């Protein structure tokens, strides 16, 4: 009889301890299925496109000249990334005050290739 009483008291104790935990967890709100809570549009300083010319040294691209940069992008940072499928290299520089064109030197020269991808981004001003 004593053993049965201890088992019953133990069971009641476990239920008493676990019940509030499950109750509190069930009442917590769940989050939405998105990573952010809001969204904002990002304005563009140049909407008419850019010209891109790869500058070579032998068979390697060592820098990229970007032209037709709008003056609205002045003082922004222009970043260039060149990927030929086996290696990539990047570089960046400040957009000149009047826009126009600028040459960005890459960190390391990469072999020029027909399938080469060049990404250009302007952040700021």
Protein backbone atom coordinates (compact mmCIF):
# COMPACT_ATOMS: atom_id res chain seq x y z
CA UNK A 1 0.00 0.00 0.00
CA UNK A 2 2.82 2.40 0.84
CA UNK A 3 4.49 1.68 -2.50
CA UNK A 4 1.27 2.41 -4.40
CA UNK A 5 0.86 5.72 -2.50
CA UNK A 6 4.42 6.83 -3.48
CA UNK A 7 3.83 5.93 -7.11
CA UNK A 8 0.57 7.90 -7.11
CA UNK A 9 2.20 10.92 -5.42
CA UNK A 10 5.10 10.75 -7.88
CA UNK A 11 2.73 10.69 -10.84
CA UNK A 12 0.76 13.63 -9.46
CA UNK A 13 4.02 15.54 -8.91
CA UNK A 14 5.21 14.95 -12.47
CA UNK A 15 1.86 16.06 -13.90
CA UNK A 16 1.89 19.15 -11.66
CA UNK A 17 5.36 20.12 -12.86
CA UNK A 18 4.81 19.50 -16.60
CA UNK A 19 1.30 20.88 -17.00
CA UNK A 20 2.20 24.59 -16.66
CA UNK A 21 5.09 24.16 -19.11
CA UNK A 22 2.85 22.76 -21.82
CA UNK A 23 0.17 25.33 -21.02
CA UNK A 24 2.59 28.24 -21.37
CA UNK A 25 4.04 26.93 -24.61
CA UNK A 26 0.59 26.44 -26.12
CA UNK A 27 -0.33 30.06 -25.41
CA UNK A 28 2.75 31.57 -27.11
CA UNK A 29 2.08 33.26 -30.45
CA UNK A 30 3.70 31.87 -33.56
CA UNK A 31 5.64 33.94 -36.06
CA UNK A 32 4.92 34.55 -39.70
CA UNK A 33 6.48 32.55 -42.48
CA UNK A 34 8.83 35.30 -43.65
CA UNK A 35 12.34 36.41 -42.79
CA UNK A 36 11.52 40.09 -42.54
CA UNK A 37 8.70 42.01 -40.99
CA UNK A 38 8.34 44.61 -43.73
CA UNK A 39 9.63 45.51 -47.15
CA UNK A 40 10.90 48.67 -48.75
CA UNK A 41 11.65 49.54 -52.32
CA UNK A 42 15.21 50.50 -53.19
CA UNK A 43 15.62 53.47 -55.48
CA UNK A 44 18.03 53.35 -58.40
CA UNK A 45 20.49 56.07 -59.20
CA UNK A 46 20.93 54.89 -62.80
CA UNK A 47 17.99 53.51 -64.77
CA UNK A 48 19.21 53.64 -68.39
CA UNK A 49 21.91 50.94 -68.20
CA UNK A 50 25.67 50.85 -68.11
CA UNK A 51 28.39 50.06 -70.63
CA UNK A 52 30.88 47.33 -69.66
CA UNK A 53 34.28 46.79 -71.31
CA UNK A 54 36.75 44.13 -70.14
CA UNK A 55 40.36 45.30 -70.26
CA UNK A 56 42.82 42.51 -71.08
CA UNK A 57 46.46 41.83 -70.42
CA UNK A 58 47.26 38.93 -72.70
CA UNK A 59 44.32 36.54 -72.25
CA UNK A 60 43.44 37.74 -68.73
CA UNK A 61 40.85 40.31 -67.66
CA UNK A 62 42.67 42.70 -65.32
CA UNK A 63 40.15 45.55 -65.06
CA UNK A 64 36.68 46.57 -66.18
CA UNK A 65 35.66 49.97 -67.52
CA UNK A 66 32.09 50.98 -66.71
CA UNK A 67 30.57 53.81 -68.77
CA UNK A 68 27.30 55.77 -68.92
CA UNK A 69 27.11 56.12 -65.11
CA UNK A 70 24.49 58.69 -64.14
CA UNK A 71 25.59 61.73 -62.12
CA UNK A 72 22.91 60.75 -59.57
CA UNK A 73 25.24 57.86 -58.57
CA UNK A 74 28.09 60.25 -57.66
CA UNK A 75 30.00 59.32 -54.48
CA UNK A 76 28.42 55.84 -54.45
CA UNK A 77 30.55 52.70 -54.45
CA UNK A 78 30.70 50.72 -57.68
CA UNK A 79 31.54 47.03 -57.25
CA UNK A 80 32.48 44.64 -60.06
CA UNK A 81 32.70 40.85 -59.90
CA UNK A 82 33.97 38.80 -62.86
CA UNK A 83 33.46 35.03 -62.95
CA UNK A 84 34.71 32.80 -65.78
CA UNK A 85 33.31 29.55 -64.39
CA UNK A 86 36.49 28.38 -62.69
CA UNK A 87 37.69 31.52 -60.92
CA UNK A 88 36.35 34.91 -59.99
CA UNK A 89 37.79 38.25 -59.03
CA UNK A 90 36.33 41.51 -57.83
CA UNK A 91 37.14 45.14 -57.27
CA UNK A 92 35.43 48.37 -56.29
CA UNK A 93 35.84 52.12 -56.36
CA UNK A 94 34.05 55.40 -55.70
CA UNK A 95 31.88 56.79 -58.50
CA UNK A 96 33.27 60.16 -59.71
CA UNK A 97 31.35 63.34 -58.86
CA UNK A 98 29.90 63.83 -62.34
CA UNK A 99 29.24 60.16 -63.09
CA UNK A 100 30.45 59.26 -66.58
CA UNK A 101 32.89 56.35 -66.67
CA UNK A 102 35.44 54.70 -64.43
CA UNK A 103 37.82 51.77 -64.50
CA UNK A 104 37.83 49.23 -61.68
CA UNK A 105 40.98 47.14 -61.25
CA UNK A 106 40.33 43.53 -60.27
CA UNK A 107 42.12 41.91 -57.33
CA UNK A 108 43.48 39.15 -59.59
CA UNK A 109 43.38 38.73 -63.34
CA UNK A 110 41.23 35.91 -64.67
CA UNK A 111 41.21 34.18 -68.03
CA UNK A 112 38.78 35.73 -70.51
CA UNK A 113 36.06 33.29 -71.57
CA UNK A 114 32.97 33.37 -73.80
CA UNK A 115 30.76 32.33 -70.88
CA UNK A 116 32.22 34.92 -68.52
CA UNK A 117 29.76 36.63 -66.18
CA UNK A 118 30.26 40.20 -65.01
CA UNK A 119 28.16 41.63 -62.18
CA UNK A 120 28.10 45.35 -61.48
CA UNK A 121 26.43 47.00 -58.48
CA UNK A 122 26.32 50.58 -57.24
CA UNK A 123 25.61 51.11 -53.54
CA UNK A 124 24.92 54.49 -52.06
CA UNK A 125 25.01 57.49 -52.46
